[in-house]
C-alpha cells in the first residue's frame, strides 16, 4: 500500500490552508488527497473520492514527496509550435513564422 508517511505539523497546517483557501481547484484537491493519505487512506480509496485514476493519485503523492509544497502546483506545460505561412497580397507565401499556441 502507498501512503504519505512523514508530514511535519507545519506541513499539515500548510496543507489545511491550501485545501481551504487556494484559488486553484487542483491544488486544493491535491492538498486534501495528501492529508487523507497521511491519515491512512489508500490510493484506491482516494481515487474513488476524487474521481481520478489511481495513477493520478500516485503522481500527486510522488510530486509531494519529491518537491514538497511546490509539488501541489501544476508543472509548466510544454508549448506546441505551429508553422504558419505569411501570405502576401499576391497570394504567395513570402515568409514562414513559428508561433507558439500560447499566443492564441
PDB file of N, CA and C in Angstrom:
ATOM      1  N   UNK A   1       0.824  -1.183   0.000  1.00  0.00           N
ATOM      2  CA  UNK A   1       0.000   0.000   0.000  1.00  0.00           C
ATOM      3  C   UNK A   1       0.872   1.251   0.000  1.00  0.00           C
ATOM      4  N   UNK A   2       0.384   2.279  -0.625  1.00  0.00           N
ATOM      5  CA  UNK A   2       1.124   3.526  -0.800  1.00  0.00           C
ATOM      6  C   UNK A   2       0.481   4.616   0.048  1.00  0.00           C
ATOM      7  N   UNK A   3       1.255   5.238   0.916  1.00  0.00           N
ATOM      8  CA  UNK A   3       0.770   6.316   1.779  1.00  0.00           C
ATOM      9  C   UNK A   3       1.848   7.381   1.912  1.00  0.00           C
ATOM     10  N   UNK A   4       1.435   8.596   2.222  1.00  0.00           N
ATOM     11  CA  UNK A   4       2.374   9.624   2.652  1.00  0.00           C
ATOM     12  C   UNK A   4       2.590   9.369   4.132  1.00  0.00           C
ATOM     13  N   UNK A   5       3.823   9.155   4.526  1.00  0.00           N
ATOM     14  CA  UNK A   5       4.097   8.744   5.893  1.00  0.00           C
ATOM     15  C   UNK A   5       4.602   9.869   6.797  1.00  0.00           C
ATOM     16  N   UNK A   6       5.427  10.735   6.260  1.00  0.00           N
ATOM     17  CA  UNK A   6       6.027  11.771   7.103  1.00  0.00           C
ATOM     18  C   UNK A   6       5.582  13.152   6.656  1.00  0.00           C
ATOM     19  N   UNK A   7       4.864  13.826   7.535  1.00  0.00           N
ATOM     20  CA  UNK A   7       4.482  15.217   7.317  1.00  0.00           C
ATOM     21  C   UNK A   7       4.653  15.934   8.656  1.00  0.00           C
ATOM     22  N   UNK A   8       5.352  17.046   8.619  1.00  0.00           N
ATOM     23  CA  UNK A   8       5.556  17.812   9.853  1.00  0.00           C
ATOM     24  C   UNK A   8       4.259  18.534  10.221  1.00  0.00           C
ATOM     25  N   UNK A   9       4.129  18.927  11.475  1.00  0.00           N
ATOM     26  CA  UNK A   9       2.946  19.712  11.879  1.00  0.00           C
ATOM     27  C   UNK A   9       2.778  20.991  11.050  1.00  0.00           C
ATOM     28  N   UNK A  10       3.893  21.630  10.702  1.00  0.00           N
ATOM     29  CA  UNK A  10       3.812  22.835   9.867  1.00  0.00           C
ATOM     30  C   UNK A  10       3.273  22.509   8.478  1.00  0.00           C
ATOM     31  N   UNK A  11       3.704  21.366   7.929  1.00  0.00           N
ATOM     32  CA  UNK A  11       3.208  20.953   6.619  1.00  0.00           C
ATOM     33  C   UNK A  11       1.717  20.599   6.672  1.00  0.00           C
ATOM     34  N   UNK A  12       1.286  19.972   7.751  1.00  0.00           N
ATOM     35  CA  UNK A  12      -0.135  19.658   7.919  1.00  0.00           C
ATOM     36  C   UNK A  12      -0.944  20.947   7.918  1.00  0.00           C
ATOM     37  N   UNK A  13      -0.498  21.934   8.653  1.00  0.00           N
ATOM     38  CA  UNK A  13      -1.199  23.217   8.695  1.00  0.00           C
ATOM     39  C   UNK A  13      -1.204  23.883   7.324  1.00  0.00           C
ATOM     40  N   UNK A  14      -0.069  23.826   6.630  1.00  0.00           N
ATOM     41  CA  UNK A  14       0.016  24.394   5.276  1.00  0.00           C
ATOM     42  C   UNK A  14      -0.986  23.712   4.353  1.00  0.00           C
ATOM     43  N   UNK A  15      -1.029  22.380   4.381  1.00  0.00           N
ATOM     44  CA  UNK A  15      -1.952  21.632   3.521  1.00  0.00           C
ATOM     45  C   UNK A  15      -3.406  21.965   3.847  1.00  0.00           C
ATOM     46  N   UNK A  16      -3.715  22.129   5.109  1.00  0.00           N
ATOM     47  CA  UNK A  16      -5.081  22.514   5.502  1.00  0.00           C
ATOM     48  C   UNK A  16      -5.440  23.885   4.934  1.00  0.00           C
ATOM     49  N   UNK A  17      -4.512  24.820   5.034  1.00  0.00           N
ATOM     50  CA  UNK A  17      -4.759  26.161   4.493  1.00  0.00           C
ATOM     51  C   UNK A  17      -4.954  26.124   2.981  1.00  0.00           C
ATOM     52  N   UNK A  18      -4.109  25.380   2.298  1.00  0.00           N
ATOM     53  CA  UNK A  18      -4.238  25.273   0.837  1.00  0.00           C
ATOM     54  C   UNK A  18      -5.573  24.623   0.480  1.00  0.00           C
ATOM     55  N   UNK A  19      -5.947  23.578   1.198  1.00  0.00           N
ATOM     56  CA  UNK A  19      -7.193  22.871   0.883  1.00  0.00           C
ATOM     57  C   UNK A  19      -8.427  23.747   1.119  1.00  0.00           C
ATOM     58  N   UNK A  20      -8.300  24.759   1.961  1.00  0.00           N
ATOM     59  CA  UNK A  20      -9.427  25.655   2.247  1.00  0.00           C
ATOM     60  C   UNK A  20      -9.413  26.938   1.426  1.00  0.00           C
ATOM     61  N   UNK A  21      -8.213  27.459   1.147  1.00  0.00           N
ATOM     62  CA  UNK A  21      -8.143  28.825   0.638  1.00  0.00           C
ATOM     63  C   UNK A  21      -7.526  29.004  -0.752  1.00  0.00           C
ATOM     64  N   UNK A  22      -6.901  27.974  -1.290  1.00  0.00           N
ATOM     65  CA  UNK A  22      -6.267  28.152  -2.595  1.00  0.00           C
ATOM     66  C   UNK A  22      -7.317  28.470  -3.655  1.00  0.00           C
ATOM     67  N   UNK A  23      -6.981  29.360  -4.555  1.00  0.00           N
ATOM     68  CA  UNK A  23      -7.879  29.687  -5.667  1.00  0.00           C
ATOM     69  C   UNK A  23      -7.850  28.591  -6.734  1.00  0.00           C
ATOM     70  N   UNK A  24      -6.806  27.796  -6.705  1.00  0.00           N
ATOM     71  CA  UNK A  24      -6.639  26.751  -7.716  1.00  0.00           C
ATOM     72  C   UNK A  24      -7.288  25.453  -7.227  1.00  0.00           C
ATOM     73  N   UNK A  25      -8.308  25.029  -7.947  1.00  0.00           N
ATOM     74  CA  UNK A  25      -9.053  23.826  -7.572  1.00  0.00           C
ATOM     75  C   UNK A  25      -8.148  22.594  -7.492  1.00  0.00           C
ATOM     76  N   UNK A  26      -7.247  22.438  -8.459  1.00  0.00           N
ATOM     77  CA  UNK A  26      -6.366  21.255  -8.478  1.00  0.00           C
ATOM     78  C   UNK A  26      -5.440  21.240  -7.271  1.00  0.00           C
ATOM     79  N   UNK A  27      -4.946  22.386  -6.874  1.00  0.00           N
ATOM     80  CA  UNK A  27      -4.095  22.458  -5.678  1.00  0.00           C
ATOM     81  C   UNK A  27      -4.884  22.067  -4.428  1.00  0.00           C
ATOM     82  N   UNK A  28      -6.137  22.529  -4.332  1.00  0.00           N
ATOM     83  CA  UNK A  28      -6.970  22.169  -3.180  1.00  0.00           C
ATOM     84  C   UNK A  28      -7.189  20.659  -3.130  1.00  0.00           C
ATOM     85  N   UNK A  29      -7.480  20.067  -4.278  1.00  0.00           N
ATOM     86  CA  UNK A  29      -7.715  18.622  -4.331  1.00  0.00           C
ATOM     87  C   UNK A  29      -6.448  17.838  -3.944  1.00  0.00           C
ATOM     88  N   UNK A  30      -5.307  18.259  -4.455  1.00  0.00           N
ATOM     89  CA  UNK A  30      -4.046  17.585  -4.139  1.00  0.00           C
ATOM     90  C   UNK A  30      -3.739  17.676  -2.644  1.00  0.00           C
ATOM     91  N   UNK A  31      -3.941  18.851  -2.072  1.00  0.00           N
ATOM     92  CA  UNK A  31      -3.681  19.033  -0.638  1.00  0.00           C
ATOM     93  C   UNK A  31      -4.575  18.113   0.187  1.00  0.00           C
ATOM     94  N   UNK A  32      -5.845  18.033  -0.164  1.00  0.00           N
ATOM     95  CA  UNK A  32      -6.776  17.147   0.553  1.00  0.00           C
ATOM     96  C   UNK A  32      -6.345  15.687   0.421  1.00  0.00           C
ATOM     97  N   UNK A  33      -5.949  15.293  -0.778  1.00  0.00           N
ATOM     98  CA  UNK A  33      -5.532  13.902  -1.008  1.00  0.00           C
ATOM     99  C   UNK A  33      -4.302  13.555  -0.175  1.00  0.00           C
ATOM    100  N   UNK A  34      -3.361  14.459  -0.074  1.00  0.00           N
ATOM    101  CA  UNK A  34      -2.147  14.210   0.704  1.00  0.00           C
ATOM    102  C   UNK A  34      -2.489  14.080   2.185  1.00  0.00           C
ATOM    103  N   UNK A  35      -3.351  14.959   2.669  1.00  0.00           N
ATOM    104  CA  UNK A  35      -3.774  14.860   4.079  1.00  0.00           C
ATOM    105  C   UNK A  35      -4.487  13.535   4.350  1.00  0.00           C
ATOM    106  N   UNK A  36      -5.360  13.126   3.454  1.00  0.00           N
ATOM    107  CA  UNK A  36      -6.077  11.864   3.650  1.00  0.00           C
ATOM    108  C   UNK A  36      -5.136  10.660   3.556  1.00  0.00           C
ATOM    109  N   UNK A  37      -4.163  10.742   2.670  1.00  0.00           N
ATOM    110  CA  UNK A  37      -3.174   9.666   2.584  1.00  0.00           C
ATOM    111  C   UNK A  37      -2.397   9.561   3.889  1.00  0.00           C
ATOM    112  N   UNK A  38      -2.037  10.702   4.438  1.00  0.00           N
ATOM    113  CA  UNK A  38      -1.323  10.738   5.715  1.00  0.00           C
ATOM    114  C   UNK A  38      -2.164  10.120   6.835  1.00  0.00           C
ATOM    115  N   UNK A  39      -3.489  10.261   6.729  1.00  0.00           N
ATOM    116  CA  UNK A  39      -4.401   9.678   7.722  1.00  0.00           C
ATOM    117  C   UNK A  39      -4.641   8.184   7.490  1.00  0.00           C
ATOM    118  N   UNK A  40      -4.099   7.635   6.380  1.00  0.00           N
ATOM    119  CA  UNK A  40      -4.205   6.200   6.156  1.00  0.00           C
ATOM    120  C   UNK A  40      -5.105   5.759   5.018  1.00  0.00           C
ATOM    121  N   UNK A  41      -5.678   6.698   4.286  1.00  0.00           N
ATOM    122  CA  UNK A  41      -6.497   6.330   3.132  1.00  0.00           C
ATOM    123  C   UNK A  41      -5.580   5.812   2.024  1.00  0.00           C
ATOM    124  N   UNK A  42      -5.946   4.685   1.407  1.00  0.00           N
ATOM    125  CA  UNK A  42      -5.098   4.128   0.353  1.00  0.00           C
ATOM    126  C   UNK A  42      -5.405   4.758  -1.006  1.00  0.00           C
ATOM    127  N   UNK A  43      -4.564   4.460  -1.977  1.00  0.00           N
ATOM    128  CA  UNK A  43      -4.658   5.067  -3.308  1.00  0.00           C
ATOM    129  C   UNK A  43      -6.004   4.753  -3.965  1.00  0.00           C
ATOM    130  N   UNK A  44      -6.484   3.529  -3.834  1.00  0.00           N
ATOM    131  CA  UNK A  44      -7.760   3.154  -4.441  1.00  0.00           C
ATOM    132  C   UNK A  44      -8.904   3.973  -3.851  1.00  0.00           C
ATOM    133  N   UNK A  45      -8.927   4.105  -2.553  1.00  0.00           N
ATOM    134  CA  UNK A  45      -9.973   4.889  -1.898  1.00  0.00           C
ATOM    135  C   UNK A  45      -9.893   6.352  -2.316  1.00  0.00           C
ATOM    136  N   UNK A  46      -8.678   6.897  -2.356  1.00  0.00           N
ATOM    137  CA  UNK A  46      -8.511   8.292  -2.776  1.00  0.00           C
ATOM    138  C   UNK A  46      -8.948   8.497  -4.220  1.00  0.00           C
ATOM    139  N   UNK A  47      -8.652   7.541  -5.087  1.00  0.00           N
ATOM    140  CA  UNK A  47      -9.071   7.680  -6.489  1.00  0.00           C
ATOM    141  C   UNK A  47     -10.598   7.665  -6.595  1.00  0.00           C
ATOM    142  N   UNK A  48     -11.266   6.916  -5.733  1.00  0.00           N
ATOM    143  CA  UNK A  48     -12.733   6.930  -5.704  1.00  0.00           C
ATOM    144  C   UNK A  48     -13.266   8.263  -5.168  1.00  0.00           C
ATOM    145  N   UNK A  49     -12.662   8.764  -4.112  1.00  0.00           N
ATOM    146  CA  UNK A  49     -13.114  10.025  -3.509  1.00  0.00           C
ATOM    147  C   UNK A  49     -12.973  11.183  -4.494  1.00  0.00           C
ATOM    148  N   UNK A  50     -11.809  11.286  -5.152  1.00  0.00           N
ATOM    149  CA  UNK A  50     -11.530  12.426  -6.015  1.00  0.00           C
ATOM    150  C   UNK A  50     -11.905  12.182  -7.478  1.00  0.00           C
ATOM    151  N   UNK A  51     -12.395  10.973  -7.756  1.00  0.00           N
ATOM    152  CA  UNK A  51     -12.837  10.601  -9.101  1.00  0.00           C
ATOM    153  C   UNK A  51     -11.764  10.827 -10.155  1.00  0.00           C
ATOM    154  N   UNK A  52     -10.571  10.344  -9.833  1.00  0.00           N
ATOM    155  CA  UNK A  52      -9.437  10.349 -10.755  1.00  0.00           C
ATOM    156  C   UNK A  52      -8.833   8.948 -10.743  1.00  0.00           C
ATOM    157  N   UNK A  53      -7.904   8.713 -11.635  1.00  0.00           N
ATOM    158  CA  UNK A  53      -7.284   7.385 -11.704  1.00  0.00           C
ATOM    159  C   UNK A  53      -6.315   7.167 -10.546  1.00  0.00           C
ATOM    160  N   UNK A  54      -6.013   5.902 -10.312  1.00  0.00           N
ATOM    161  CA  UNK A  54      -5.003   5.565  -9.304  1.00  0.00           C
ATOM    162  C   UNK A  54      -3.657   6.175  -9.681  1.00  0.00           C
ATOM    163  N   UNK A  55      -3.359   6.197 -10.977  1.00  0.00           N
ATOM    164  CA  UNK A  55      -2.092   6.776 -11.445  1.00  0.00           C
ATOM    165  C   UNK A  55      -2.011   8.264 -11.108  1.00  0.00           C
ATOM    166  N   UNK A  56      -3.128   8.961 -11.219  1.00  0.00           N
ATOM    167  CA  UNK A  56      -3.149  10.388 -10.880  1.00  0.00           C
ATOM    168  C   UNK A  56      -2.856  10.594  -9.404  1.00  0.00           C
ATOM    169  N   UNK A  57      -3.492   9.800  -8.552  1.00  0.00           N
ATOM    170  CA  UNK A  57      -3.231   9.902  -7.109  1.00  0.00           C
ATOM    171  C   UNK A  57      -1.760   9.621  -6.826  1.00  0.00           C
ATOM    172  N   UNK A  58      -1.234   8.584  -7.438  1.00  0.00           N
ATOM    173  CA  UNK A  58       0.183   8.243  -7.247  1.00  0.00           C
ATOM    174  C   UNK A  58       1.074   9.401  -7.694  1.00  0.00           C
ATOM    175  N   UNK A  59       0.730  10.037  -8.811  1.00  0.00           N
ATOM    176  CA  UNK A  59       1.504  11.198  -9.277  1.00  0.00           C
ATOM    177  C   UNK A  59       1.459  12.339  -8.267  1.00  0.00           C
ATOM    178  N   UNK A  60       0.288  12.584  -7.674  1.00  0.00           N
ATOM    179  CA  UNK A  60       0.161  13.645  -6.674  1.00  0.00           C
ATOM    180  C   UNK A  60       1.043  13.347  -5.468  1.00  0.00           C
ATOM    181  N   UNK A  61       1.014  12.099  -4.999  1.00  0.00           N
ATOM    182  CA  UNK A  61       1.810  11.726  -3.822  1.00  0.00           C
ATOM    183  C   UNK A  61       3.304  11.780  -4.145  1.00  0.00           C
ATOM    184  N   UNK A  62       3.681  11.312  -5.336  1.00  0.00           N
ATOM    185  CA  UNK A  62       5.092  11.370  -5.749  1.00  0.00           C
ATOM    186  C   UNK A  62       5.573  12.813  -5.829  1.00  0.00           C
ATOM    187  N   UNK A  63       4.743  13.695  -6.384  1.00  0.00           N
ATOM    188  CA  UNK A  63       5.119  15.113  -6.505  1.00  0.00           C
ATOM    189  C   UNK A  63       5.306  15.733  -5.129  1.00  0.00           C
ATOM    190  N   UNK A  64       4.441  15.391  -4.187  1.00  0.00           N
ATOM    191  CA  UNK A  64       4.570  15.899  -2.821  1.00  0.00           C
ATOM    192  C   UNK A  64       5.882  15.430  -2.211  1.00  0.00           C
ATOM    193  N   UNK A  65       6.186  14.160  -2.357  1.00  0.00           N
ATOM    194  CA  UNK A  65       7.403  13.619  -1.748  1.00  0.00           C
ATOM    195  C   UNK A  65       8.666  14.137  -2.426  1.00  0.00           C
ATOM    196  N   UNK A  66       8.600  14.409  -3.716  1.00  0.00           N
ATOM    197  CA  UNK A  66       9.781  14.878  -4.440  1.00  0.00           C
ATOM    198  C   UNK A  66      10.006  16.385  -4.292  1.00  0.00           C
ATOM    199  N   UNK A  67       8.896  17.168  -4.304  1.00  0.00           N
ATOM    200  CA  UNK A  67       9.036  18.626  -4.344  1.00  0.00           C
ATOM    201  C   UNK A  67       8.405  19.339  -3.162  1.00  0.00           C
ATOM    202  N   UNK A  68       7.826  18.599  -2.243  1.00  0.00           N
ATOM    203  CA  UNK A  68       7.211  19.228  -1.075  1.00  0.00           C
ATOM    204  C   UNK A  68       6.064  20.138  -1.468  1.00  0.00           C
ATOM    205  N   UNK A  69       6.005  21.317  -0.865  1.00  0.00           N
ATOM    206  CA  UNK A  69       4.895  22.233  -1.114  1.00  0.00           C
ATOM    207  C   UNK A  69       4.793  22.642  -2.581  1.00  0.00           C
ATOM    208  N   UNK A  70       5.915  22.685  -3.279  1.00  0.00           N
ATOM    209  CA  UNK A  70       5.899  23.026  -4.707  1.00  0.00           C
ATOM    210  C   UNK A  70       5.248  21.927  -5.542  1.00  0.00           C
ATOM    211  N   UNK A  71       5.166  20.719  -4.981  1.00  0.00           N
ATOM    212  CA  UNK A  71       4.544  19.600  -5.681  1.00  0.00           C
ATOM    213  C   UNK A  71       3.045  19.736  -5.839  1.00  0.00           C
ATOM    214  N   UNK A  72       2.434  20.691  -5.146  1.00  0.00           N
ATOM    215  CA  UNK A  72       0.998  20.929  -5.298  1.00  0.00           C
ATOM    216  C   UNK A  72       0.689  21.704  -6.575  1.00  0.00           C
ATOM    217  N   UNK A  73       1.660  22.426  -7.069  1.00  0.00           N
ATOM    218  CA  UNK A  73       1.476  23.272  -8.256  1.00  0.00           C
ATOM    219  C   UNK A  73       1.524  22.431  -9.529  1.00  0.00           C
ATOM    220  N   UNK A  74       0.849  22.932 -10.569  1.00  0.00           N
ATOM    221  CA  UNK A  74       0.947  22.313 -11.883  1.00  0.00           C
ATOM    222  C   UNK A  74       2.337  22.579 -12.444  1.00  0.00           C
ATOM    223  N   UNK A  75       2.892  21.598 -13.116  1.00  0.00           N
ATOM    224  CA  UNK A  75       4.143  21.824 -13.820  1.00  0.00           C
ATOM    225  C   UNK A  75       3.859  22.641 -15.065  1.00  0.00           C
ATOM    226  N   UNK A  76       4.824  23.431 -15.518  1.00  0.00           N
ATOM    227  CA  UNK A  76       4.593  24.206 -16.743  1.00  0.00           C
ATOM    228  C   UNK A  76       4.345  23.263 -17.921  1.00  0.00           C
ATOM    229  N   UNK A  77       3.405  23.646 -18.746  1.00  0.00           N
ATOM    230  CA  UNK A  77       3.082  22.857 -19.930  1.00  0.00           C
ATOM    231  C   UNK A  77       4.062  23.199 -21.038  1.00  0.00           C
ATOM    232  N   UNK A  78       4.415  22.197 -21.816  1.00  0.00           N
ATOM    233  CA  UNK A  78       5.270  22.453 -22.965  1.00  0.00           C
ATOM    234  C   UNK A  78       4.416  23.068 -24.061  1.00  0.00           C
ATOM    235  N   UNK A  79       4.914  24.139 -24.649  1.00  0.00           N
ATOM    236  CA  UNK A  79       4.142  24.771 -25.711  1.00  0.00           C
ATOM    237  C   UNK A  79       4.307  23.975 -26.999  1.00  0.00           C
ATOM    238  N   UNK A  80       3.269  24.002 -27.769  1.00  0.00           N
ATOM    239  CA  UNK A  80       3.324  23.368 -29.083  1.00  0.00           C
ATOM    240  C   UNK A  80       3.437  24.490 -30.098  1.00  0.00           C
ATOM    241  N   UNK A  81       4.372  24.339 -30.999  1.00  0.00           N
ATOM    242  CA  UNK A  81       4.570  25.374 -32.004  1.00  0.00           C
ATOM    243  C   UNK A  81       3.805  25.014 -33.275  1.00  0.00           C
ATOM    244  N   UNK A  82       3.352  26.037 -33.941  1.00  0.00           N
ATOM    245  CA  UNK A  82       2.623  25.866 -35.186  1.00  0.00           C
ATOM    246  C   UNK A  82       3.372  26.638 -36.259  1.00  0.00           C
ATOM    247  N   UNK A  83       3.554  26.004 -37.390  1.00  0.00           N
ATOM    248  CA  UNK A  83       4.208  26.667 -38.506  1.00  0.00           C
ATOM    249  C   UNK A  83       3.132  27.358 -39.330  1.00  0.00           C
ATOM    250  N   UNK A  84       3.247  28.668 -39.469  1.00  0.00           N
ATOM    251  CA  UNK A  84       2.262  29.463 -40.204  1.00  0.00           C
ATOM    252  C   UNK A  84       2.977  30.156 -41.348  1.00  0.00           C
ATOM    253  N   UNK A  85       2.357  30.106 -42.513  1.00  0.00           N
ATOM    254  CA  UNK A  85       2.940  30.805 -43.655  1.00  0.00           C
ATOM    255  C   UNK A  85       2.262  32.152 -43.808  1.00  0.00           C
ATOM    256  N   UNK A  86       3.076  33.168 -43.895  1.00  0.00           N
ATOM    257  CA  UNK A  86       2.553  34.510 -44.116  1.00  0.00           C
ATOM    258  C   UNK A  86       2.359  34.662 -45.626  1.00  0.00           C
ATOM    259  N   UNK A  87       1.168  35.060 -46.019  1.00  0.00           N
ATOM    260  CA  UNK A  87       0.852  35.185 -47.442  1.00  0.00           C
ATOM    261  C   UNK A  87       0.788  36.661 -47.799  1.00  0.00           C
ATOM    262  N   UNK A  88       1.495  37.006 -48.874  1.00  0.00           N
ATOM    263  CA  UNK A  88       1.474  38.411 -49.293  1.00  0.00           C
ATOM    264  C   UNK A  88       0.225  38.685 -50.115  1.00  0.00           C
ATOM    265  N   UNK A  89       0.042  39.903 -50.533  1.00  0.00           N
ATOM    266  CA  UNK A  89      -1.180  40.308 -51.236  1.00  0.00           C
ATOM    267  C   UNK A  89      -1.380  39.555 -52.548  1.00  0.00           C
ATOM    268  N   UNK A  90      -0.330  39.043 -53.152  1.00  0.00           N
ATOM    269  CA  UNK A  90      -0.453  38.296 -54.401  1.00  0.00           C
ATOM    270  C   UNK A  90      -0.818  36.838 -54.140  1.00  0.00           C
ATOM    271  N   UNK A  91      -0.925  36.465 -52.861  1.00  0.00           N
ATOM    272  CA  UNK A  91      -1.304  35.097 -52.534  1.00  0.00           C
ATOM    273  C   UNK A  91      -0.119  34.150 -52.478  1.00  0.00           C
ATOM    274  N   UNK A  92       1.082  34.687 -52.511  1.00  0.00           N
ATOM    275  CA  UNK A  92       2.274  33.851 -52.476  1.00  0.00           C
ATOM    276  C   UNK A  92       2.842  33.826 -51.057  1.00  0.00           C
ATOM    277  N   UNK A  93       3.304  32.664 -50.646  1.00  0.00           N
ATOM    278  CA  UNK A  93       3.921  32.555 -49.324  1.00  0.00           C
ATOM    279  C   UNK A  93       5.229  33.323 -49.330  1.00  0.00           C
ATOM    280  N   UNK A  94       5.306  34.328 -48.510  1.00  0.00           N
ATOM    281  CA  UNK A  94       6.508  35.144 -48.502  1.00  0.00           C
ATOM    282  C   UNK A  94       7.402  34.865 -47.309  1.00  0.00           C
ATOM    283  N   UNK A  95       6.859  34.261 -46.270  1.00  0.00           N
ATOM    284  CA  UNK A  95       7.638  34.073 -45.056  1.00  0.00           C
ATOM    285  C   UNK A  95       6.955  33.023 -44.193  1.00  0.00           C
ATOM    286  N   UNK A  96       7.727  32.221 -43.486  1.00  0.00           N
ATOM    287  CA  UNK A  96       7.165  31.253 -42.553  1.00  0.00           C
ATOM    288  C   UNK A  96       7.433  31.733 -41.136  1.00  0.00           C
ATOM    289  N   UNK A  97       6.410  31.660 -40.308  1.00  0.00           N
ATOM    290  CA  UNK A  97       6.540  32.094 -38.920  1.00  0.00           C
ATOM    291  C   UNK A  97       6.322  30.909 -38.018  1.00  0.00           C
ATOM    292  N   UNK A  98       7.100  30.804 -36.961  1.00  0.00           N
ATOM    293  CA  UNK A  98       6.924  29.757 -35.970  1.00  0.00           C
ATOM    294  C   UNK A  98       6.266  30.392 -34.765  1.00  0.00           C
ATOM    295  N   UNK A  99       4.974  30.098 -34.535  1.00  0.00           N
ATOM    296  CA  UNK A  99       4.225  30.721 -33.466  1.00  0.00           C
ATOM    297  C   UNK A  99       3.891  29.697 -32.391  1.00  0.00           C
ATOM    298  N   UNK A 100       3.898  30.143 -31.191  1.00  0.00           N
ATOM    299  CA  UNK A 100       3.505  29.300 -30.077  1.00  0.00           C
ATOM    300  C   UNK A 100       1.998  29.380 -29.898  1.00  0.00           C
ATOM    301  N   UNK A 101       1.370  28.255 -29.550  1.00  0.00           N
ATOM    302  CA  UNK A 101      -0.075  28.249 -29.320  1.00  0.00           C
ATOM    303  C   UNK A 101      -0.460  29.101 -28.120  1.00  0.00           C
ATOM    304  N   UNK A 102       0.483  29.400 -27.239  1.00  0.00           N
ATOM    305  CA  UNK A 102       0.194  30.220 -26.064  1.00  0.00           C
ATOM    306  C   UNK A 102      -0.227  31.624 -26.472  1.00  0.00           C
ATOM    307  N   UNK A 103       0.147  32.054 -27.661  1.00  0.00           N
ATOM    308  CA  UNK A 103      -0.194  33.395 -28.131  1.00  0.00           C
ATOM    309  C   UNK A 103      -1.641  33.506 -28.571  1.00  0.00           C
ATOM    310  N   UNK A 104      -2.344  32.421 -28.652  1.00  0.00           N
ATOM    311  CA  UNK A 104      -3.722  32.439 -29.172  1.00  0.00           C
ATOM    312  C   UNK A 104      -4.724  32.324 -28.083  1.00  0.00           C
TER     313      UNK A 104
END
